Amino acid sequence: MDYQFDFFEGRDGQTYVNIKHRNGQTLYTSEGYTTKQAAVDTLENFLRAVQCVSATAVEIVARYSVSSTEVQP
């Protein structure tokens, strides 16, 4: 996979997602979400829309790397 999805908690307490290329470059940072589940759901919907994967939210969290600042469920 050429991309990595990092979930992290911002200083404002909201959950964000970085989409990074395998070379480490951040391609996109999402808006803030009040819960990690909302961020995961949005990422899942985006990936389905662009037909990258057909996976559930649980599979997305399990499949992709997350940063050391991962927000715990």
PDB file of N, CA and C in Angstrom:
ATOM      1  N   MET A   1       0.844  -1.178   0.000  1.00  0.00           N
ATOM      2  CA  MET A   1       0.000   0.000   0.000  1.00  0.00           C
ATOM      3  C   MET A   1       0.886   1.237   0.000  1.00  0.00           C
ATOM      4  N   ASP A   2       0.527   2.204  -0.805  1.00  0.00           N
ATOM      5  CA  ASP A   2       1.319   3.418  -0.926  1.00  0.00           C
ATOM      6  C   ASP A   2       0.978   4.476   0.116  1.00  0.00           C
ATOM      7  N   TYR A   3      -0.058   4.234   0.907  1.00  0.00           N
ATOM      8  CA  TYR A   3      -0.521   5.259   1.833  1.00  0.00           C
ATOM      9  C   TYR A   3      -0.655   4.723   3.248  1.00  0.00           C
ATOM     10  N   GLN A   4      -0.520   5.637   4.184  1.00  0.00           N
ATOM     11  CA  GLN A   4      -0.653   5.329   5.601  1.00  0.00           C
ATOM     12  C   GLN A   4      -1.617   6.343   6.194  1.00  0.00           C
ATOM     13  N   PHE A   5      -2.441   5.903   7.128  1.00  0.00           N
ATOM     14  CA  PHE A   5      -3.420   6.780   7.751  1.00  0.00           C
ATOM     15  C   PHE A   5      -3.106   6.879   9.231  1.00  0.00           C
ATOM     16  N   ASP A   6      -2.803   8.070   9.689  1.00  0.00           N
ATOM     17  CA  ASP A   6      -2.459   8.298  11.092  1.00  0.00           C
ATOM     18  C   ASP A   6      -3.587   9.054  11.776  1.00  0.00           C
ATOM     19  N   PHE A   7      -4.154   8.446  12.802  1.00  0.00           N
ATOM     20  CA  PHE A   7      -5.170   9.112  13.619  1.00  0.00           C
ATOM     21  C   PHE A   7      -4.450   9.755  14.792  1.00  0.00           C
ATOM     22  N   PHE A   8      -4.779  11.021  15.075  1.00  0.00           N
ATOM     23  CA  PHE A   8      -4.134  11.672  16.212  1.00  0.00           C
ATOM     24  C   PHE A   8      -5.092  12.664  16.854  1.00  0.00           C
ATOM     25  N   GLU A   9      -4.826  12.960  18.111  1.00  0.00           N
ATOM     26  CA  GLU A   9      -5.631  13.924  18.840  1.00  0.00           C
ATOM     27  C   GLU A   9      -4.939  15.273  18.824  1.00  0.00           C
ATOM     28  N   GLY A  10      -5.667  16.296  18.377  1.00  0.00           N
ATOM     29  CA  GLY A  10      -5.126  17.648  18.340  1.00  0.00           C
ATOM     30  C   GLY A  10      -5.189  18.300  19.708  1.00  0.00           C
ATOM     31  N   ARG A  11      -4.576  19.453  19.817  1.00  0.00           N
ATOM     32  CA  ARG A  11      -4.588  20.203  21.079  1.00  0.00           C
ATOM     33  C   ARG A  11      -5.996  20.593  21.505  1.00  0.00           C
ATOM     34  N   ASP A  12      -6.896  20.653  20.520  1.00  0.00           N
ATOM     35  CA  ASP A  12      -8.283  21.008  20.813  1.00  0.00           C
ATOM     36  C   ASP A  12      -9.116  19.820  21.276  1.00  0.00           C
ATOM     37  N   GLY A  13      -8.480  18.639  21.386  1.00  0.00           N
ATOM     38  CA  GLY A  13      -9.172  17.443  21.855  1.00  0.00           C
ATOM     39  C   GLY A  13      -9.917  16.695  20.766  1.00  0.00           C
ATOM     40  N   GLN A  14      -9.864  17.183  19.533  1.00  0.00           N
ATOM     41  CA  GLN A  14     -10.545  16.505  18.443  1.00  0.00           C
ATOM     42  C   GLN A  14      -9.606  15.524  17.753  1.00  0.00           C
ATOM     43  N   THR A  15     -10.195  14.545  17.079  1.00  0.00           N
ATOM     44  CA  THR A  15      -9.427  13.537  16.360  1.00  0.00           C
ATOM     45  C   THR A  15      -9.259  13.969  14.908  1.00  0.00           C
ATOM     46  N   TYR A  16      -8.038  13.829  14.396  1.00  0.00           N
ATOM     47  CA  TYR A  16      -7.697  14.172  13.021  1.00  0.00           C
ATOM     48  C   TYR A  16      -7.087  12.945  12.351  1.00  0.00           C
ATOM     49  N   VAL A  17      -7.078  12.972  11.022  1.00  0.00           N
ATOM     50  CA  VAL A  17      -6.453  11.912  10.239  1.00  0.00           C
ATOM     51  C   VAL A  17      -5.479  12.548   9.267  1.00  0.00           C
ATOM     52  N   ASN A  18      -4.248  12.067   9.264  1.00  0.00           N
ATOM     53  CA  ASN A  18      -3.275  12.426   8.232  1.00  0.00           C
ATOM     54  C   ASN A  18      -3.245  11.302   7.214  1.00  0.00           C
ATOM     55  N   ILE A  19      -3.265  11.655   5.955  1.00  0.00           N
ATOM     56  CA  ILE A  19      -3.019  10.682   4.892  1.00  0.00           C
ATOM     57  C   ILE A  19      -1.607  10.948   4.414  1.00  0.00           C
ATOM     58  N   LYS A  20      -0.756   9.930   4.550  1.00  0.00           N
ATOM     59  CA  LYS A  20       0.652  10.076   4.187  1.00  0.00           C
ATOM     60  C   LYS A  20       1.027   9.083   3.096  1.00  0.00           C
ATOM     61  N   HIS A  21       1.919   9.523   2.233  1.00  0.00           N
ATOM     62  CA  HIS A  21       2.499   8.633   1.230  1.00  0.00           C
ATOM     63  C   HIS A  21       3.526   7.762   1.920  1.00  0.00           C
ATOM     64  N   ARG A  22       3.882   6.654   1.314  1.00  0.00           N
ATOM     65  CA  ARG A  22       4.866   5.757   1.940  1.00  0.00           C
ATOM     66  C   ARG A  22       6.227   6.419   2.125  1.00  0.00           C
ATOM     67  N   ASN A  23       6.474   7.515   1.417  1.00  0.00           N
ATOM     68  CA  ASN A  23       7.737   8.243   1.592  1.00  0.00           C
ATOM     69  C   ASN A  23       7.699   9.172   2.810  1.00  0.00           C
ATOM     70  N   GLY A  24       6.553   9.197   3.534  1.00  0.00           N
ATOM     71  CA  GLY A  24       6.441  10.005   4.737  1.00  0.00           C
ATOM     72  C   GLY A  24       5.812  11.372   4.548  1.00  0.00           C
ATOM     73  N   GLN A  25       5.618  11.790   3.310  1.00  0.00           N
ATOM     74  CA  GLN A  25       5.046  13.101   3.045  1.00  0.00           C
ATOM     75  C   GLN A  25       3.556  13.110   3.379  1.00  0.00           C
ATOM     76  N   THR A  26       3.122  14.095   4.173  1.00  0.00           N
ATOM     77  CA  THR A  26       1.701  14.248   4.484  1.00  0.00           C
ATOM     78  C   THR A  26       0.997  14.855   3.288  1.00  0.00           C
ATOM     79  N   LEU A  27       0.012  14.139   2.780  1.00  0.00           N
ATOM     80  CA  LEU A  27      -0.726  14.597   1.617  1.00  0.00           C
ATOM     81  C   LEU A  27      -1.986  15.360   2.003  1.00  0.00           C
ATOM     82  N   TYR A  28      -2.560  15.008   3.156  1.00  0.00           N
ATOM     83  CA  TYR A  28      -3.822  15.620   3.563  1.00  0.00           C
ATOM     84  C   TYR A  28      -3.993  15.461   5.061  1.00  0.00           C
ATOM     85  N   THR A  29      -4.503  16.494   5.711  1.00  0.00           N
ATOM     86  CA  THR A  29      -4.910  16.423   7.106  1.00  0.00           C
ATOM     87  C   THR A  29      -6.384  16.772   7.158  1.00  0.00           C
ATOM     88  N   SER A  30      -7.166  15.912   7.793  1.00  0.00           N
ATOM     89  CA  SER A  30      -8.609  16.095   7.836  1.00  0.00           C
ATOM     90  C   SER A  30      -9.023  17.239   8.746  1.00  0.00           C
ATOM     91  N   GLU A  31     -10.295  17.529   8.707  1.00  0.00           N
ATOM     92  CA  GLU A  31     -10.889  18.416   9.695  1.00  0.00           C
ATOM     93  C   GLU A  31     -10.937  17.656  11.013  1.00  0.00           C
ATOM     94  N   GLY A  32     -11.238  18.346  12.100  1.00  0.00           N
ATOM     95  CA  GLY A  32     -11.326  17.704  13.401  1.00  0.00           C
ATOM     96  C   GLY A  32     -12.659  17.014  13.604  1.00  0.00           C
ATOM     97  N   TYR A  33     -12.635  15.875  14.271  1.00  0.00           N
ATOM     98  CA  TYR A  33     -13.835  15.122  14.590  1.00  0.00           C
ATOM     99  C   TYR A  33     -13.930  14.965  16.102  1.00  0.00           C
ATOM    100  N   THR A  34     -15.141  14.995  16.608  1.00  0.00           N
ATOM    101  CA  THR A  34     -15.321  14.930  18.056  1.00  0.00           C
ATOM    102  C   THR A  34     -15.018  13.557  18.631  1.00  0.00           C
ATOM    103  N   THR A  35     -15.080  12.508  17.803  1.00  0.00           N
ATOM    104  CA  THR A  35     -14.748  11.153  18.262  1.00  0.00           C
ATOM    105  C   THR A  35     -13.866  10.469  17.225  1.00  0.00           C
ATOM    106  N   LYS A  36     -13.110   9.489  17.692  1.00  0.00           N
ATOM    107  CA  LYS A  36     -12.286   8.713  16.779  1.00  0.00           C
ATOM    108  C   LYS A  36     -13.171   7.951  15.801  1.00  0.00           C
ATOM    109  N   GLN A  37     -14.301   7.441  16.285  1.00  0.00           N
ATOM    110  CA  GLN A  37     -15.203   6.688  15.414  1.00  0.00           C
ATOM    111  C   GLN A  37     -15.701   7.539  14.259  1.00  0.00           C
ATOM    112  N   ALA A  38     -15.989   8.798  14.504  1.00  0.00           N
ATOM    113  CA  ALA A  38     -16.424   9.689  13.430  1.00  0.00           C
ATOM    114  C   ALA A  38     -15.320   9.860  12.391  1.00  0.00           C
ATOM    115  N   ALA A  39     -14.073   9.966  12.840  1.00  0.00           N
ATOM    116  CA  ALA A  39     -12.943  10.084  11.911  1.00  0.00           C
ATOM    117  C   ALA A  39     -12.779   8.807  11.094  1.00  0.00           C
ATOM    118  N   VAL A  40     -12.896   7.658  11.756  1.00  0.00           N
ATOM    119  CA  VAL A  40     -12.777   6.369  11.069  1.00  0.00           C
ATOM    120  C   VAL A  40     -13.900   6.211  10.053  1.00  0.00           C
ATOM    121  N   ASP A  41     -15.125   6.552  10.440  1.00  0.00           N
ATOM    122  CA  ASP A  41     -16.268   6.437   9.526  1.00  0.00           C
ATOM    123  C   ASP A  41     -16.072   7.299   8.285  1.00  0.00           C
ATOM    124  N   THR A  42     -15.585   8.511   8.478  1.00  0.00           N
ATOM    125  CA  THR A  42     -15.358   9.409   7.345  1.00  0.00           C
ATOM    126  C   THR A  42     -14.275   8.857   6.424  1.00  0.00           C
ATOM    127  N   LEU A  43     -13.185   8.355   7.015  1.00  0.00           N
ATOM    128  CA  LEU A  43     -12.121   7.759   6.203  1.00  0.00           C
ATOM    129  C   LEU A  43     -12.645   6.545   5.452  1.00  0.00           C
ATOM    130  N   GLU A  44     -13.419   5.711   6.124  1.00  0.00           N
ATOM    131  CA  GLU A  44     -13.999   4.539   5.482  1.00  0.00           C
ATOM    132  C   GLU A  44     -14.869   4.951   4.293  1.00  0.00           C
ATOM    133  N   ASN A  45     -15.713   5.940   4.474  1.00  0.00           N
ATOM    134  CA  ASN A  45     -16.576   6.409   3.385  1.00  0.00           C
ATOM    135  C   ASN A  45     -15.760   6.972   2.234  1.00  0.00           C
ATOM    136  N   PHE A  46     -14.713   7.717   2.551  1.00  0.00           N
ATOM    137  CA  PHE A  46     -13.844   8.266   1.515  1.00  0.00           C
ATOM    138  C   PHE A  46     -13.187   7.147   0.710  1.00  0.00           C
ATOM    139  N   LEU A  47     -12.636   6.156   1.400  1.00  0.00           N
ATOM    140  CA  LEU A  47     -11.951   5.066   0.711  1.00  0.00           C
ATOM    141  C   LEU A  47     -12.915   4.258  -0.157  1.00  0.00           C
ATOM    142  N   ARG A  48     -14.105   4.063   0.322  1.00  0.00           N
ATOM    143  CA  ARG A  48     -15.109   3.377  -0.497  1.00  0.00           C
ATOM    144  C   ARG A  48     -15.462   4.209  -1.725  1.00  0.00           C
ATOM    145  N   ALA A  49     -15.581   5.514  -1.536  1.00  0.00           N
ATOM    146  CA  ALA A  49     -15.953   6.393  -2.646  1.00  0.00           C
ATOM    147  C   ALA A  49     -14.908   6.371  -3.750  1.00  0.00           C
ATOM    148  N   VAL A  50     -13.656   6.280  -3.385  1.00  0.00           N
ATOM    149  CA  VAL A  50     -12.600   6.234  -4.398  1.00  0.00           C
ATOM    150  C   VAL A  50     -12.189   4.802  -4.717  1.00  0.00           C
ATOM    151  N   GLN A  51     -12.931   3.865  -4.171  1.00  0.00           N
ATOM    152  CA  GLN A  51     -12.747   2.435  -4.433  1.00  0.00           C
ATOM    153  C   GLN A  51     -11.350   1.940  -4.130  1.00  0.00           C
ATOM    154  N   CYS A  52     -10.754   2.469  -3.047  1.00  0.00           N
ATOM    155  CA  CYS A  52      -9.438   1.997  -2.628  1.00  0.00           C
ATOM    156  C   CYS A  52      -9.550   0.650  -1.924  1.00  0.00           C
ATOM    157  N   VAL A  53     -10.554   0.531  -1.073  1.00  0.00           N
ATOM    158  CA  VAL A  53     -10.754  -0.720  -0.330  1.00  0.00           C
ATOM    159  C   VAL A  53     -12.247  -0.906  -0.109  1.00  0.00           C
ATOM    160  N   SER A  54     -12.610  -2.113   0.170  1.00  0.00           N
ATOM    161  CA  SER A  54     -13.984  -2.374   0.612  1.00  0.00           C
ATOM    162  C   SER A  54     -13.850  -3.082   1.948  1.00  0.00           C
ATOM    163  N   ALA A  55     -13.686  -2.291   2.985  1.00  0.00           N
ATOM    164  CA  ALA A  55     -13.442  -2.822   4.315  1.00  0.00           C
ATOM    165  C   ALA A  55     -14.318  -2.102   5.318  1.00  0.00           C
ATOM    166  N   THR A  56     -14.496  -2.733   6.463  1.00  0.00           N
ATOM    167  CA  THR A  56     -15.255  -2.091   7.528  1.00  0.00           C
ATOM    168  C   THR A  56     -14.343  -1.157   8.295  1.00  0.00           C
ATOM    169  N   ALA A  57     -14.913  -0.318   9.127  1.00  0.00           N
ATOM    170  CA  ALA A  57     -14.129   0.615   9.933  1.00  0.00           C
ATOM    171  C   ALA A  57     -13.145  -0.130  10.817  1.00  0.00           C
ATOM    172  N   VAL A  58     -13.558  -1.234  11.381  1.00  0.00           N
ATOM    173  CA  VAL A  58     -12.670  -2.023  12.243  1.00  0.00           C
ATOM    174  C   VAL A  58     -11.483  -2.535  11.447  1.00  0.00           C
ATOM    175  N   GLU A  59     -11.714  -2.998  10.229  1.00  0.00           N
ATOM    176  CA  GLU A  59     -10.623  -3.484   9.386  1.00  0.00           C
ATOM    177  C   GLU A  59      -9.679  -2.350   9.008  1.00  0.00           C
ATOM    178  N   ILE A  60     -10.220  -1.157   8.775  1.00  0.00           N
ATOM    179  CA  ILE A  60      -9.374  -0.024   8.424  1.00  0.00           C
ATOM    180  C   ILE A  60      -8.434   0.305   9.573  1.00  0.00           C
ATOM    181  N   VAL A  61      -8.957   0.392  10.784  1.00  0.00           N
ATOM    182  CA  VAL A  61      -8.120   0.702  11.943  1.00  0.00           C
ATOM    183  C   VAL A  61      -7.075  -0.381  12.144  1.00  0.00           C
ATOM    184  N   ALA A  62      -7.449  -1.637  11.964  1.00  0.00           N
ATOM    185  CA  ALA A  62      -6.521  -2.746  12.167  1.00  0.00           C
ATOM    186  C   ALA A  62      -5.489  -2.833  11.044  1.00  0.00           C
ATOM    187  N   ARG A  63      -5.869  -2.487   9.828  1.00  0.00           N
ATOM    188  CA  ARG A  63      -5.003  -2.692   8.670  1.00  0.00           C
ATOM    189  C   ARG A  63      -3.923  -1.639   8.526  1.00  0.00           C
ATOM    190  N   TYR A  64      -4.245  -0.395   8.771  1.00  0.00           N
ATOM    191  CA  TYR A  64      -3.321   0.680   8.476  1.00  0.00           C
ATOM    192  C   TYR A  64      -2.529   1.117   9.694  1.00  0.00           C
ATOM    193  N   SER A  65      -1.327   1.540   9.467  1.00  0.00           N
ATOM    194  CA  SER A  65      -0.468   2.018  10.536  1.00  0.00           C
ATOM    195  C   SER A  65      -1.079   3.248  11.178  1.00  0.00           C
ATOM    196  N   VAL A  66      -0.870   3.369  12.481  1.00  0.00           N
ATOM    197  CA  VAL A  66      -1.302   4.560  13.195  1.00  0.00           C
ATOM    198  C   VAL A  66      -0.101   5.124  13.942  1.00  0.00           C
ATOM    199  N   SER A  67      -0.127   6.411  14.164  1.00  0.00           N
ATOM    200  CA  SER A  67       1.014   7.056  14.794  1.00  0.00           C
ATOM    201  C   SER A  67       1.090   6.718  16.271  1.00  0.00           C
ATOM    202  N   SER A  68       2.189   7.061  16.881  1.00  0.00           N
ATOM    203  CA  SER A  68       2.370   6.813  18.305  1.00  0.00           C
ATOM    204  C   SER A  68       1.442   7.681  19.142  1.00  0.00           C
ATOM    205  N   THR A  69       0.830   8.673  18.515  1.00  0.00           N
ATOM    206  CA  THR A  69      -0.121   9.529  19.242  1.00  0.00           C
ATOM    207  C   THR A  69      -1.553   9.092  18.954  1.00  0.00           C
ATOM    208  N   GLU A  70      -1.724   7.835  18.627  1.00  0.00           N
ATOM    209  CA  GLU A  70      -3.048   7.306  18.327  1.00  0.00           C
ATOM    210  C   GLU A  70      -4.022   7.577  19.476  1.00  0.00           C
ATOM    211  N   VAL A  71      -5.205   7.959  19.125  1.00  0.00           N
ATOM    212  CA  VAL A  71      -6.263   8.162  20.104  1.00  0.00           C
ATOM    213  C   VAL A  71      -6.826   6.798  20.445  1.00  0.00           C
ATOM    214  N   GLN A  72      -6.896   6.497  21.699  1.00  0.00           N
ATOM    215  CA  GLN A  72      -7.422   5.207  22.118  1.00  0.00           C
ATOM    216  C   GLN A  72      -8.939   5.214  22.052  1.00  0.00           C
ATOM    217  N   PRO A  73      -9.546   4.073  21.621  1.00  0.00           N
ATOM    218  CA  PRO A  73     -11.017   4.021  21.520  1.00  0.00           C
ATOM    219  C   PRO A  73     -11.659   4.122  22.880  1.00  0.00           C
TER     220      PRO A  73
END
